[in-house]
């Protein structure tokens, strides 16, 4: 185990020790674990399960039920594609399809180089700019699939 990983597990153990006797401790422990590791890999789920003496399936169930938890690392750039009604009607599915093609990943996944995570979201609150994507905090509106390669290239540089 690397020194960095050892320090992360020590930090997680401190969180578990602090919270394990509190009612409803699982969610806060999982949230803090994700803050420490950046996501909830299987070995972290197993560690939490062992320390709390609960089945790992309980942890996996919580992690997959709540959208706030990630089972794989997030990319440097998080791309959110609005799939709300206004965006969908204006072609957001075609934009998402083009992003999946250019990035070579389906929605919900991260590129192998760790640069991009692609997410389909319900609404980004920019209906007047439909269809809309966000790359981290940058908003792109009135998109067509043809614009996607140039947007992605901007972040690859």
N, C-alpha and C. Protein backbone atom coordinates (compact mmCIF):
# COMPACT_ATOMS: atom_id res chain seq x y z
N UNK A 1 0.86 -1.18 0.00
CA UNK A 1 0.00 0.00 0.00
C UNK A 1 0.90 1.24 0.00
N UNK A 2 0.59 2.18 -0.87
CA UNK A 2 1.38 3.41 -0.96
C UNK A 2 1.16 4.27 0.28
N UNK A 3 2.10 5.18 0.52
CA UNK A 3 2.00 6.08 1.67
C UNK A 3 0.74 6.93 1.57
N UNK A 4 0.44 7.41 0.34
CA UNK A 4 -0.77 8.23 0.14
C UNK A 4 -2.03 7.43 0.49
N UNK A 5 -2.08 6.18 0.03
CA UNK A 5 -3.24 5.34 0.31
C UNK A 5 -3.33 5.04 1.81
N UNK A 6 -2.19 4.80 2.44
CA UNK A 6 -2.17 4.53 3.88
C UNK A 6 -2.75 5.73 4.63
N UNK A 7 -2.36 6.92 4.23
CA UNK A 7 -2.86 8.13 4.88
C UNK A 7 -4.36 8.29 4.67
N UNK A 8 -4.84 7.92 3.48
CA UNK A 8 -6.28 8.01 3.20
C UNK A 8 -7.06 7.03 4.08
N UNK A 9 -6.54 5.81 4.23
CA UNK A 9 -7.22 4.83 5.08
C UNK A 9 -7.18 5.24 6.55
N UNK A 10 -6.09 5.87 6.97
CA UNK A 10 -6.03 6.37 8.34
C UNK A 10 -7.08 7.46 8.55
N UNK A 11 -7.22 8.34 7.56
CA UNK A 11 -8.23 9.40 7.64
C UNK A 11 -9.63 8.79 7.69
N UNK A 12 -9.87 7.76 6.87
CA UNK A 12 -11.16 7.08 6.88
C UNK A 12 -11.41 6.42 8.23
N UNK A 13 -10.39 5.79 8.79
CA UNK A 13 -10.55 5.15 10.09
C UNK A 13 -10.92 6.17 11.16
N UNK A 14 -10.31 7.35 11.09
CA UNK A 14 -10.64 8.41 12.05
C UNK A 14 -12.11 8.82 11.93
N UNK A 15 -12.60 8.90 10.69
CA UNK A 15 -14.01 9.24 10.45
C UNK A 15 -14.91 8.15 11.03
N UNK A 16 -14.57 6.92 10.74
CA UNK A 16 -15.38 5.79 11.24
C UNK A 16 -15.39 5.80 12.77
N UNK A 17 -14.22 5.98 13.37
CA UNK A 17 -14.15 6.00 14.84
C UNK A 17 -15.00 7.13 15.41
N UNK A 18 -15.00 8.27 14.74
CA UNK A 18 -15.75 9.44 15.20
C UNK A 18 -17.26 9.24 15.09
N UNK A 19 -17.71 8.57 14.01
CA UNK A 19 -19.14 8.53 13.71
C UNK A 19 -19.85 7.20 13.94
N UNK A 20 -19.10 6.11 14.09
CA UNK A 20 -19.74 4.78 14.03
C UNK A 20 -20.83 4.54 15.08
N UNK A 21 -20.78 5.22 16.19
CA UNK A 21 -21.80 5.01 17.22
C UNK A 21 -22.96 6.00 17.12
N UNK A 22 -22.94 6.85 16.13
CA UNK A 22 -24.02 7.81 15.92
C UNK A 22 -25.15 7.15 15.14
N UNK A 23 -26.40 7.48 15.42
CA UNK A 23 -27.50 6.95 14.61
C UNK A 23 -27.37 7.45 13.17
N UNK A 24 -27.60 6.58 12.22
CA UNK A 24 -27.55 6.97 10.81
C UNK A 24 -26.15 7.32 10.33
N UNK A 25 -25.13 6.65 10.88
CA UNK A 25 -23.73 6.99 10.59
C UNK A 25 -23.29 6.60 9.18
N UNK A 26 -23.96 5.64 8.56
CA UNK A 26 -23.47 5.12 7.28
C UNK A 26 -23.33 6.20 6.21
N UNK A 27 -24.38 6.99 5.99
CA UNK A 27 -24.31 8.01 4.94
C UNK A 27 -23.18 9.02 5.18
N UNK A 28 -23.06 9.61 6.37
CA UNK A 28 -21.96 10.55 6.58
C UNK A 28 -20.58 9.90 6.41
N UNK A 29 -20.45 8.65 6.85
CA UNK A 29 -19.17 7.94 6.67
C UNK A 29 -18.88 7.76 5.19
N UNK A 30 -19.88 7.36 4.43
CA UNK A 30 -19.69 7.18 2.99
C UNK A 30 -19.37 8.50 2.30
N UNK A 31 -20.04 9.57 2.71
CA UNK A 31 -19.77 10.88 2.11
C UNK A 31 -18.33 11.31 2.40
N UNK A 32 -17.90 11.13 3.62
CA UNK A 32 -16.53 11.53 3.98
C UNK A 32 -15.52 10.62 3.28
N UNK A 33 -15.84 9.34 3.15
CA UNK A 33 -14.94 8.42 2.44
C UNK A 33 -14.78 8.88 0.99
N UNK A 34 -15.88 9.28 0.37
CA UNK A 34 -15.80 9.76 -1.01
C UNK A 34 -15.00 11.06 -1.08
N UNK A 35 -15.12 11.92 -0.09
CA UNK A 35 -14.30 13.13 -0.05
C UNK A 35 -12.82 12.78 0.03
N UNK A 36 -12.49 11.77 0.80
CA UNK A 36 -11.09 11.37 0.99
C UNK A 36 -10.53 10.71 -0.27
N UNK A 37 -11.28 9.77 -0.85
CA UNK A 37 -10.77 8.97 -1.97
C UNK A 37 -11.17 9.52 -3.34
N UNK A 38 -12.16 10.41 -3.38
CA UNK A 38 -12.64 10.95 -4.65
C UNK A 38 -13.78 10.14 -5.24
N UNK A 39 -13.97 8.94 -4.75
CA UNK A 39 -15.04 8.04 -5.16
C UNK A 39 -15.08 6.88 -4.17
N UNK A 40 -15.96 5.91 -4.38
CA UNK A 40 -16.08 4.78 -3.46
C UNK A 40 -15.70 3.47 -4.14
N UNK A 41 -14.40 3.21 -4.27
CA UNK A 41 -13.99 1.95 -4.88
C UNK A 41 -14.40 0.76 -4.02
N UNK A 42 -14.39 -0.41 -4.61
CA UNK A 42 -14.84 -1.62 -3.92
C UNK A 42 -14.06 -1.88 -2.63
N UNK A 43 -12.75 -1.64 -2.65
CA UNK A 43 -11.97 -1.91 -1.43
C UNK A 43 -12.36 -0.97 -0.29
N UNK A 44 -12.75 0.25 -0.60
CA UNK A 44 -13.21 1.19 0.43
C UNK A 44 -14.57 0.74 0.97
N UNK A 45 -15.44 0.29 0.08
CA UNK A 45 -16.74 -0.23 0.52
C UNK A 45 -16.55 -1.43 1.46
N UNK A 46 -15.63 -2.32 1.08
CA UNK A 46 -15.35 -3.49 1.92
C UNK A 46 -14.78 -3.09 3.28
N UNK A 47 -13.92 -2.09 3.29
CA UNK A 47 -13.32 -1.61 4.54
C UNK A 47 -14.39 -1.05 5.47
N UNK A 48 -15.26 -0.21 4.91
CA UNK A 48 -16.35 0.37 5.72
C UNK A 48 -17.25 -0.73 6.27
N UNK A 49 -17.60 -1.69 5.42
CA UNK A 49 -18.46 -2.79 5.84
C UNK A 49 -17.83 -3.55 7.01
N UNK A 50 -16.54 -3.85 6.88
CA UNK A 50 -15.84 -4.58 7.94
C UNK A 50 -15.83 -3.78 9.24
N UNK A 51 -15.51 -2.51 9.14
CA UNK A 51 -15.40 -1.67 10.34
C UNK A 51 -16.76 -1.43 11.02
N UNK A 52 -17.83 -1.40 10.23
CA UNK A 52 -19.16 -1.18 10.80
C UNK A 52 -19.89 -2.48 11.09
N UNK A 53 -19.26 -3.60 10.69
CA UNK A 53 -19.85 -4.92 10.86
C UNK A 53 -21.24 -5.02 10.21
N UNK A 54 -21.27 -4.59 8.94
CA UNK A 54 -22.50 -4.70 8.15
C UNK A 54 -22.14 -5.32 6.80
N UNK A 55 -23.11 -5.89 6.11
CA UNK A 55 -22.82 -6.48 4.79
C UNK A 55 -22.41 -5.40 3.79
N UNK A 56 -21.43 -5.74 2.96
CA UNK A 56 -20.99 -4.81 1.93
C UNK A 56 -22.14 -4.50 0.96
N UNK A 57 -23.09 -5.41 0.85
CA UNK A 57 -24.24 -5.17 -0.03
C UNK A 57 -25.06 -3.97 0.46
N UNK A 58 -25.07 -3.72 1.77
CA UNK A 58 -25.77 -2.53 2.29
C UNK A 58 -25.09 -1.26 1.79
N UNK A 59 -23.78 -1.26 1.80
CA UNK A 59 -23.03 -0.08 1.35
C UNK A 59 -23.20 0.10 -0.15
N UNK A 60 -23.08 -0.99 -0.90
CA UNK A 60 -23.26 -0.92 -2.35
C UNK A 60 -24.68 -0.43 -2.68
N UNK A 61 -25.66 -0.90 -1.95
CA UNK A 61 -27.05 -0.48 -2.18
C UNK A 61 -27.23 1.02 -1.99
N UNK A 62 -26.63 1.56 -0.94
CA UNK A 62 -26.71 3.01 -0.69
C UNK A 62 -25.95 3.76 -1.79
N UNK A 63 -24.77 3.26 -2.13
CA UNK A 63 -23.92 3.94 -3.14
C UNK A 63 -24.58 3.98 -4.51
N UNK A 64 -25.33 2.94 -4.84
CA UNK A 64 -25.97 2.92 -6.17
C UNK A 64 -27.33 3.58 -6.16
N UNK A 65 -27.94 3.74 -5.00
CA UNK A 65 -29.25 4.39 -4.91
C UNK A 65 -29.13 5.90 -5.01
N UNK A 66 -28.15 6.47 -4.33
CA UNK A 66 -28.00 7.93 -4.28
C UNK A 66 -27.01 8.40 -5.33
N UNK A 67 -27.45 9.36 -6.15
CA UNK A 67 -26.64 9.87 -7.26
C UNK A 67 -25.37 10.59 -6.78
N UNK A 68 -25.33 11.00 -5.52
CA UNK A 68 -24.15 11.72 -5.02
C UNK A 68 -22.92 10.84 -4.91
N UNK A 69 -23.11 9.52 -4.90
CA UNK A 69 -21.97 8.61 -4.74
C UNK A 69 -21.47 8.13 -6.10
N UNK A 70 -20.15 8.03 -6.21
CA UNK A 70 -19.50 7.60 -7.45
C UNK A 70 -18.73 6.31 -7.19
N UNK A 71 -18.92 5.33 -8.06
CA UNK A 71 -18.22 4.06 -7.91
C UNK A 71 -16.95 4.01 -8.76
N UNK A 72 -16.72 5.04 -9.52
CA UNK A 72 -15.47 5.14 -10.27
C UNK A 72 -15.00 6.59 -10.21
N UNK A 73 -13.70 6.80 -10.42
CA UNK A 73 -13.18 8.17 -10.32
C UNK A 73 -13.82 9.08 -11.35
N UNK A 74 -13.98 10.34 -10.98
CA UNK A 74 -14.52 11.34 -11.89
C UNK A 74 -13.37 11.95 -12.68
N UNK A 75 -13.68 12.38 -13.90
CA UNK A 75 -12.68 13.01 -14.74
C UNK A 75 -12.38 14.43 -14.30
N UNK A 76 -11.32 14.97 -14.87
CA UNK A 76 -10.95 16.36 -14.60
C UNK A 76 -12.08 17.29 -15.06
N UNK A 77 -12.72 16.92 -16.17
CA UNK A 77 -13.82 17.71 -16.72
C UNK A 77 -15.10 16.88 -16.66
N UNK A 78 -16.09 17.41 -15.96
CA UNK A 78 -17.39 16.75 -15.84
C UNK A 78 -18.31 17.39 -16.87
N UNK A 79 -18.77 16.60 -17.81
CA UNK A 79 -19.68 17.08 -18.85
C UNK A 79 -21.09 16.65 -18.49
N UNK A 80 -21.97 17.62 -18.31
CA UNK A 80 -23.38 17.34 -17.99
C UNK A 80 -24.22 17.75 -19.19
N UNK A 81 -24.97 16.81 -19.70
CA UNK A 81 -25.85 17.07 -20.84
C UNK A 81 -27.27 17.15 -20.31
N UNK A 82 -27.92 18.29 -20.53
CA UNK A 82 -29.29 18.46 -20.07
C UNK A 82 -30.23 17.62 -20.93
N UNK A 83 -31.03 16.80 -20.24
CA UNK A 83 -32.01 15.96 -20.93
C UNK A 83 -33.42 16.36 -20.52
N UNK A 84 -33.56 17.56 -19.95
CA UNK A 84 -34.88 18.08 -19.60
C UNK A 84 -35.72 18.27 -20.85
N UNK A 85 -36.99 18.52 -20.69
CA UNK A 85 -37.93 18.57 -21.82
C UNK A 85 -37.51 19.55 -22.90
N UNK A 86 -37.22 20.80 -22.53
CA UNK A 86 -36.86 21.81 -23.53
C UNK A 86 -35.61 21.39 -24.31
N UNK A 87 -34.60 20.92 -23.60
CA UNK A 87 -33.37 20.50 -24.26
C UNK A 87 -33.60 19.25 -25.12
N UNK A 88 -34.36 18.32 -24.59
CA UNK A 88 -34.62 17.09 -25.33
C UNK A 88 -35.34 17.38 -26.65
N UNK A 89 -36.35 18.23 -26.58
CA UNK A 89 -37.13 18.59 -27.77
C UNK A 89 -36.24 19.28 -28.80
N UNK A 90 -35.24 20.03 -28.31
CA UNK A 90 -34.35 20.77 -29.21
C UNK A 90 -33.13 19.96 -29.65
N UNK A 91 -33.04 18.69 -29.26
CA UNK A 91 -31.99 17.83 -29.81
C UNK A 91 -30.88 17.42 -28.87
N UNK A 92 -31.11 17.44 -27.57
CA UNK A 92 -30.03 17.08 -26.65
C UNK A 92 -29.61 15.61 -26.79
N UNK A 93 -30.53 14.74 -27.22
CA UNK A 93 -30.14 13.34 -27.41
C UNK A 93 -29.08 13.22 -28.51
N UNK A 94 -29.21 14.01 -29.57
CA UNK A 94 -28.22 13.99 -30.64
C UNK A 94 -26.87 14.53 -30.14
N UNK A 95 -26.92 15.53 -29.28
CA UNK A 95 -25.69 16.08 -28.68
C UNK A 95 -25.04 15.01 -27.80
N UNK A 96 -25.84 14.36 -26.98
CA UNK A 96 -25.31 13.29 -26.12
C UNK A 96 -24.71 12.16 -26.96
N UNK A 97 -25.41 11.77 -28.01
CA UNK A 97 -24.90 10.71 -28.90
C UNK A 97 -23.54 11.10 -29.47
N UNK A 98 -23.40 12.36 -29.87
CA UNK A 98 -22.13 12.83 -30.45
C UNK A 98 -21.03 12.84 -29.39
N UNK A 99 -21.36 13.25 -28.17
CA UNK A 99 -20.38 13.22 -27.09
C UNK A 99 -19.92 11.79 -26.81
N UNK A 100 -20.85 10.86 -26.78
CA UNK A 100 -20.50 9.46 -26.56
C UNK A 100 -19.57 8.96 -27.68
N UNK A 101 -19.84 9.38 -28.89
CA UNK A 101 -19.01 8.98 -30.03
C UNK A 101 -17.61 9.59 -29.94
N UNK A 102 -17.53 10.88 -29.68
CA UNK A 102 -16.24 11.58 -29.64
C UNK A 102 -15.40 11.11 -28.45
N UNK A 103 -16.03 10.93 -27.30
CA UNK A 103 -15.31 10.52 -26.10
C UNK A 103 -15.10 9.00 -26.01
N UNK A 104 -15.85 8.26 -26.82
CA UNK A 104 -15.79 6.80 -26.86
C UNK A 104 -16.16 6.17 -25.51
N UNK A 105 -17.18 6.76 -24.86
CA UNK A 105 -17.72 6.22 -23.61
C UNK A 105 -19.24 6.46 -23.60
N UNK A 106 -19.98 5.62 -22.88
CA UNK A 106 -21.40 5.91 -22.69
C UNK A 106 -21.59 6.92 -21.56
N UNK A 107 -22.75 7.52 -21.50
CA UNK A 107 -23.09 8.42 -20.40
C UNK A 107 -22.94 7.67 -19.08
N UNK A 108 -22.44 8.37 -18.07
CA UNK A 108 -22.22 7.76 -16.77
C UNK A 108 -20.83 7.21 -16.58
N UNK A 109 -19.97 7.32 -17.58
CA UNK A 109 -18.62 6.75 -17.49
C UNK A 109 -17.57 7.84 -17.62
N UNK A 110 -16.33 7.45 -17.35
CA UNK A 110 -15.17 8.33 -17.42
C UNK A 110 -14.21 7.78 -18.46
N UNK A 111 -13.61 8.68 -19.23
CA UNK A 111 -12.65 8.24 -20.25
C UNK A 111 -11.45 7.58 -19.58
N UNK A 112 -10.79 6.68 -20.32
CA UNK A 112 -9.66 5.93 -19.79
C UNK A 112 -8.53 6.83 -19.33
N UNK A 113 -8.37 7.99 -19.96
CA UNK A 113 -7.30 8.90 -19.56
C UNK A 113 -7.67 9.75 -18.35
N UNK A 114 -8.90 9.59 -17.84
CA UNK A 114 -9.33 10.31 -16.65
C UNK A 114 -9.64 11.78 -16.89
N UNK A 115 -9.74 12.16 -18.16
CA UNK A 115 -9.96 13.58 -18.48
C UNK A 115 -11.42 13.97 -18.43
N UNK A 116 -12.32 13.11 -18.92
CA UNK A 116 -13.74 13.48 -19.03
C UNK A 116 -14.65 12.45 -18.37
N UNK A 117 -15.67 12.97 -17.69
CA UNK A 117 -16.79 12.15 -17.22
C UNK A 117 -18.02 12.70 -17.90
N UNK A 118 -18.81 11.82 -18.49
CA UNK A 118 -20.01 12.23 -19.24
C UNK A 118 -21.25 11.83 -18.46
N UNK A 119 -22.12 12.81 -18.18
CA UNK A 119 -23.36 12.55 -17.45
C UNK A 119 -24.56 13.13 -18.21
N UNK A 120 -25.65 12.40 -18.21
CA UNK A 120 -26.93 12.91 -18.68
C UNK A 120 -27.68 13.37 -17.44
N UNK A 121 -28.13 14.62 -17.43
CA UNK A 121 -28.81 15.17 -16.25
C UNK A 121 -30.23 15.58 -16.59
N UNK A 122 -31.06 15.71 -15.57
CA UNK A 122 -32.47 16.05 -15.79
C UNK A 122 -32.66 17.48 -16.27
N UNK A 123 -32.04 18.45 -15.62
CA UNK A 123 -32.24 19.84 -16.01
C UNK A 123 -31.08 20.67 -15.51
N UNK A 124 -30.59 21.55 -16.34
CA UNK A 124 -29.50 22.45 -15.94
C UNK A 124 -30.01 23.87 -15.69
N UNK A 125 -31.32 24.10 -15.92
CA UNK A 125 -31.91 25.39 -15.62
C UNK A 125 -31.57 26.49 -16.61
N UNK A 126 -31.26 26.09 -17.82
CA UNK A 126 -30.94 27.07 -18.86
C UNK A 126 -31.79 26.78 -20.10
N UNK A 127 -33.08 26.62 -19.89
CA UNK A 127 -34.00 26.18 -20.94
C UNK A 127 -34.01 27.10 -22.16
N UNK A 128 -33.79 28.38 -21.95
CA UNK A 128 -33.77 29.33 -23.06
C UNK A 128 -32.61 29.12 -24.00
N UNK A 129 -31.59 28.36 -23.57
CA UNK A 129 -30.41 28.10 -24.39
C UNK A 129 -30.42 26.67 -24.96
N UNK A 130 -31.52 26.00 -24.87
CA UNK A 130 -31.62 24.58 -25.24
C UNK A 130 -31.15 24.33 -26.67
N UNK A 131 -30.47 23.18 -26.86
CA UNK A 131 -29.96 22.23 -25.87
C UNK A 131 -28.65 22.73 -25.25
N UNK A 132 -28.45 22.33 -23.99
CA UNK A 132 -27.35 22.86 -23.19
C UNK A 132 -26.49 21.73 -22.63
N UNK A 133 -25.18 22.00 -22.57
CA UNK A 133 -24.27 21.15 -21.79
C UNK A 133 -23.46 22.07 -20.88
N UNK A 134 -22.94 21.49 -19.84
CA UNK A 134 -21.97 22.18 -18.98
C UNK A 134 -20.72 21.33 -18.93
N UNK A 135 -19.58 21.99 -19.03
CA UNK A 135 -18.30 21.35 -18.82
C UNK A 135 -17.72 22.04 -17.58
N UNK A 136 -17.74 21.32 -16.47
CA UNK A 136 -17.49 21.90 -15.15
C UNK A 136 -18.43 23.09 -14.99
N UNK A 137 -17.92 24.33 -14.93
CA UNK A 137 -18.79 25.49 -14.74
C UNK A 137 -19.07 26.25 -16.03
N UNK A 138 -18.54 25.77 -17.16
CA UNK A 138 -18.74 26.45 -18.44
C UNK A 138 -20.03 25.95 -19.10
N UNK A 139 -20.90 26.89 -19.50
CA UNK A 139 -22.19 26.55 -20.11
C UNK A 139 -22.09 26.75 -21.62
N UNK A 140 -22.58 25.76 -22.37
CA UNK A 140 -22.65 25.84 -23.83
C UNK A 140 -24.10 25.63 -24.23
N UNK A 141 -24.66 26.60 -24.93
CA UNK A 141 -26.06 26.51 -25.31
C UNK A 141 -26.28 26.58 -26.81
N UNK A 142 -27.53 26.28 -27.18
CA UNK A 142 -27.96 26.24 -28.58
C UNK A 142 -27.00 25.39 -29.41
N UNK A 143 -26.71 24.22 -28.89
CA UNK A 143 -25.72 23.33 -29.49
C UNK A 143 -26.28 22.48 -30.61
N UNK A 144 -25.38 22.14 -31.49
CA UNK A 144 -25.64 21.11 -32.50
C UNK A 144 -24.54 20.06 -32.33
N UNK A 145 -24.79 18.85 -32.78
CA UNK A 145 -23.76 17.82 -32.67
C UNK A 145 -22.45 18.22 -33.36
N UNK A 146 -22.53 19.00 -34.42
CA UNK A 146 -21.33 19.41 -35.15
C UNK A 146 -20.37 20.25 -34.30
N UNK A 147 -20.87 20.90 -33.26
CA UNK A 147 -20.04 21.75 -32.42
C UNK A 147 -19.25 20.96 -31.36
N UNK A 148 -19.63 19.74 -31.12
CA UNK A 148 -19.06 18.96 -30.03
C UNK A 148 -17.56 18.69 -30.18
N UNK A 149 -17.07 18.26 -31.34
CA UNK A 149 -15.63 17.98 -31.43
C UNK A 149 -14.75 19.18 -31.06
N UNK A 150 -15.12 20.38 -31.47
CA UNK A 150 -14.32 21.57 -31.15
C UNK A 150 -14.36 21.86 -29.65
N UNK A 151 -15.52 21.66 -29.02
CA UNK A 151 -15.62 21.89 -27.57
C UNK A 151 -14.71 20.91 -26.82
N UNK A 152 -14.77 19.67 -27.21
CA UNK A 152 -13.93 18.64 -26.54
C UNK A 152 -12.46 18.94 -26.77
N UNK A 153 -12.09 19.32 -27.97
CA UNK A 153 -10.69 19.62 -28.28
C UNK A 153 -10.15 20.76 -27.42
N UNK A 154 -10.99 21.74 -27.14
CA UNK A 154 -10.59 22.88 -26.29
C UNK A 154 -10.11 22.38 -24.91
N UNK A 155 -10.76 21.36 -24.37
CA UNK A 155 -10.39 20.85 -23.05
C UNK A 155 -9.27 19.83 -23.12
N UNK A 156 -9.05 19.23 -24.25
CA UNK A 156 -7.94 18.27 -24.39
C UNK A 156 -6.61 18.99 -24.44
N UNK A 157 -6.62 20.25 -24.85
CA UNK A 157 -5.35 20.99 -24.96
C UNK A 157 -4.78 21.36 -23.65
